[in-house]
Amino acid sequence: MSEAYGPDFITIVDDDGNEIELEYVDALEHEGVTYTAFFPAVEGVPMKRVRNTV
């Protein structure tokens, strides 16, 4: 993905028909499986930094 084009978004629909917009963060491959990470795309609300405790 190129930074020149800006962030990538997807929209998914839950079982109740609610649309949820997500921003693509990153992907990695491990033992032949690709894992992707997304953040909720909430316009106008700053993301809160959370400490990773894992």
N, C-alpha and C. Protein backbone atom coordinates (compact mmCIF):
# COMPACT_ATOMS: atom_id res chain seq x y z
N MET A 1 0.82 -1.18 0.00
CA MET A 1 0.00 0.00 0.00
C MET A 1 0.87 1.24 0.00
N SER A 2 0.47 2.21 -0.73
CA SER A 2 1.24 3.43 -0.83
C SER A 2 0.65 4.50 0.07
N GLU A 3 1.52 5.17 0.83
CA GLU A 3 1.08 6.27 1.69
C GLU A 3 0.53 7.43 0.86
N ALA A 4 0.93 7.52 -0.41
CA ALA A 4 0.49 8.61 -1.27
C ALA A 4 -1.02 8.58 -1.50
N TYR A 5 -1.65 7.43 -1.36
CA TYR A 5 -3.07 7.30 -1.62
C TYR A 5 -3.92 7.42 -0.36
N GLY A 6 -3.31 7.43 0.80
CA GLY A 6 -4.06 7.53 2.04
C GLY A 6 -4.46 6.16 2.57
N PRO A 7 -5.21 6.14 3.67
CA PRO A 7 -5.56 4.88 4.32
C PRO A 7 -6.59 4.09 3.52
N ASP A 8 -6.63 2.77 3.77
CA ASP A 8 -7.61 1.88 3.15
C ASP A 8 -8.69 1.54 4.16
N PHE A 9 -9.93 1.50 3.70
CA PHE A 9 -11.06 1.22 4.57
C PHE A 9 -11.88 0.07 4.00
N ILE A 10 -12.52 -0.69 4.88
CA ILE A 10 -13.49 -1.69 4.46
C ILE A 10 -14.75 -1.47 5.30
N THR A 11 -15.87 -1.92 4.79
CA THR A 11 -17.12 -1.86 5.53
C THR A 11 -17.65 -3.27 5.65
N ILE A 12 -17.95 -3.68 6.88
CA ILE A 12 -18.55 -4.99 7.10
C ILE A 12 -19.94 -4.78 7.68
N VAL A 13 -20.79 -5.80 7.57
CA VAL A 13 -22.15 -5.72 8.08
C VAL A 13 -22.33 -6.85 9.10
N ASP A 14 -22.79 -6.50 10.31
CA ASP A 14 -22.98 -7.52 11.34
C ASP A 14 -24.33 -8.22 11.14
N ASP A 15 -24.63 -9.18 12.01
CA ASP A 15 -25.85 -9.98 11.89
C ASP A 15 -27.13 -9.16 12.00
N ASP A 16 -27.05 -7.98 12.64
CA ASP A 16 -28.22 -7.12 12.78
C ASP A 16 -28.35 -6.11 11.65
N GLY A 17 -27.44 -6.16 10.69
CA GLY A 17 -27.50 -5.24 9.56
C GLY A 17 -26.78 -3.93 9.79
N ASN A 18 -26.05 -3.80 10.89
CA ASN A 18 -25.30 -2.57 11.17
C ASN A 18 -23.99 -2.57 10.39
N GLU A 19 -23.72 -1.46 9.73
CA GLU A 19 -22.46 -1.32 9.00
C GLU A 19 -21.36 -0.82 9.93
N ILE A 20 -20.19 -1.43 9.82
CA ILE A 20 -19.04 -1.05 10.63
C ILE A 20 -17.89 -0.75 9.68
N GLU A 21 -17.36 0.46 9.74
CA GLU A 21 -16.25 0.84 8.87
C GLU A 21 -14.94 0.65 9.63
N LEU A 22 -13.99 -0.03 8.98
CA LEU A 22 -12.70 -0.32 9.59
C LEU A 22 -11.58 0.20 8.71
N GLU A 23 -10.50 0.65 9.36
CA GLU A 23 -9.32 1.11 8.64
C GLU A 23 -8.25 0.03 8.72
N TYR A 24 -7.72 -0.34 7.56
CA TYR A 24 -6.65 -1.33 7.48
C TYR A 24 -5.39 -0.78 8.12
N VAL A 25 -4.76 -1.57 8.99
CA VAL A 25 -3.54 -1.15 9.67
C VAL A 25 -2.32 -1.87 9.11
N ASP A 26 -2.36 -3.21 9.10
CA ASP A 26 -1.18 -3.97 8.67
C ASP A 26 -1.59 -5.42 8.42
N ALA A 27 -0.68 -6.16 7.80
CA ALA A 27 -0.88 -7.59 7.59
C ALA A 27 0.46 -8.29 7.74
N LEU A 28 0.38 -9.55 8.16
CA LEU A 28 1.59 -10.36 8.22
C LEU A 28 1.23 -11.79 7.91
N GLU A 29 2.22 -12.51 7.43
CA GLU A 29 2.02 -13.91 7.10
C GLU A 29 2.83 -14.75 8.06
N HIS A 30 2.21 -15.80 8.57
CA HIS A 30 2.88 -16.71 9.50
C HIS A 30 2.44 -18.13 9.17
N GLU A 31 3.40 -18.95 8.83
CA GLU A 31 3.15 -20.36 8.49
C GLU A 31 2.04 -20.51 7.46
N GLY A 32 2.09 -19.68 6.42
CA GLY A 32 1.15 -19.78 5.31
C GLY A 32 -0.21 -19.15 5.54
N VAL A 33 -0.42 -18.53 6.69
CA VAL A 33 -1.69 -17.87 6.99
C VAL A 33 -1.45 -16.37 7.07
N THR A 34 -2.29 -15.58 6.40
CA THR A 34 -2.18 -14.13 6.44
C THR A 34 -3.14 -13.58 7.48
N TYR A 35 -2.60 -12.77 8.39
CA TYR A 35 -3.38 -12.12 9.43
C TYR A 35 -3.42 -10.62 9.13
N THR A 36 -4.59 -10.01 9.27
CA THR A 36 -4.72 -8.57 9.02
C THR A 36 -5.22 -7.88 10.28
N ALA A 37 -4.83 -6.62 10.43
CA ALA A 37 -5.24 -5.83 11.59
C ALA A 37 -6.02 -4.61 11.11
N PHE A 38 -7.11 -4.32 11.81
CA PHE A 38 -7.97 -3.18 11.49
C PHE A 38 -8.30 -2.41 12.76
N PHE A 39 -8.53 -1.10 12.61
CA PHE A 39 -9.02 -0.26 13.69
C PHE A 39 -10.39 0.25 13.28
N PRO A 40 -11.29 0.48 14.23
CA PRO A 40 -12.56 1.12 13.89
C PRO A 40 -12.29 2.51 13.32
N ALA A 41 -12.96 2.84 12.24
CA ALA A 41 -12.78 4.14 11.60
C ALA A 41 -13.89 5.07 12.07
N VAL A 42 -13.62 5.80 13.14
CA VAL A 42 -14.60 6.72 13.71
C VAL A 42 -14.12 8.13 13.42
N GLU A 43 -14.82 8.82 12.56
CA GLU A 43 -14.41 10.16 12.14
C GLU A 43 -14.60 11.16 13.27
N GLY A 44 -13.57 11.98 13.50
CA GLY A 44 -13.66 13.04 14.48
C GLY A 44 -13.39 12.62 15.91
N VAL A 45 -13.13 11.33 16.13
CA VAL A 45 -12.83 10.85 17.48
C VAL A 45 -11.39 10.37 17.50
N PRO A 46 -10.53 11.01 18.32
CA PRO A 46 -9.13 10.60 18.34
C PRO A 46 -8.98 9.20 18.93
N MET A 47 -8.03 8.44 18.40
CA MET A 47 -7.76 7.10 18.90
C MET A 47 -7.08 7.20 20.26
N LYS A 48 -7.50 6.40 21.19
CA LYS A 48 -6.92 6.37 22.52
C LYS A 48 -5.77 5.37 22.53
N ARG A 49 -4.63 5.77 23.04
CA ARG A 49 -3.48 4.88 23.10
C ARG A 49 -3.67 3.91 24.27
N VAL A 50 -3.56 2.62 23.97
CA VAL A 50 -3.76 1.60 24.98
C VAL A 50 -2.46 0.82 25.14
N ARG A 51 -2.09 0.57 26.38
CA ARG A 51 -0.88 -0.19 26.66
C ARG A 51 -1.13 -1.67 26.43
N ASN A 52 -0.25 -2.31 25.68
CA ASN A 52 -0.36 -3.72 25.39
C ASN A 52 0.09 -4.51 26.62
N THR A 53 -0.78 -5.37 27.13
CA THR A 53 -0.44 -6.13 28.33
C THR A 53 -0.20 -7.60 28.06
N VAL A 54 -0.11 -7.97 26.81
CA VAL A 54 0.09 -9.38 26.46
C VAL A 54 1.54 -9.74 26.56
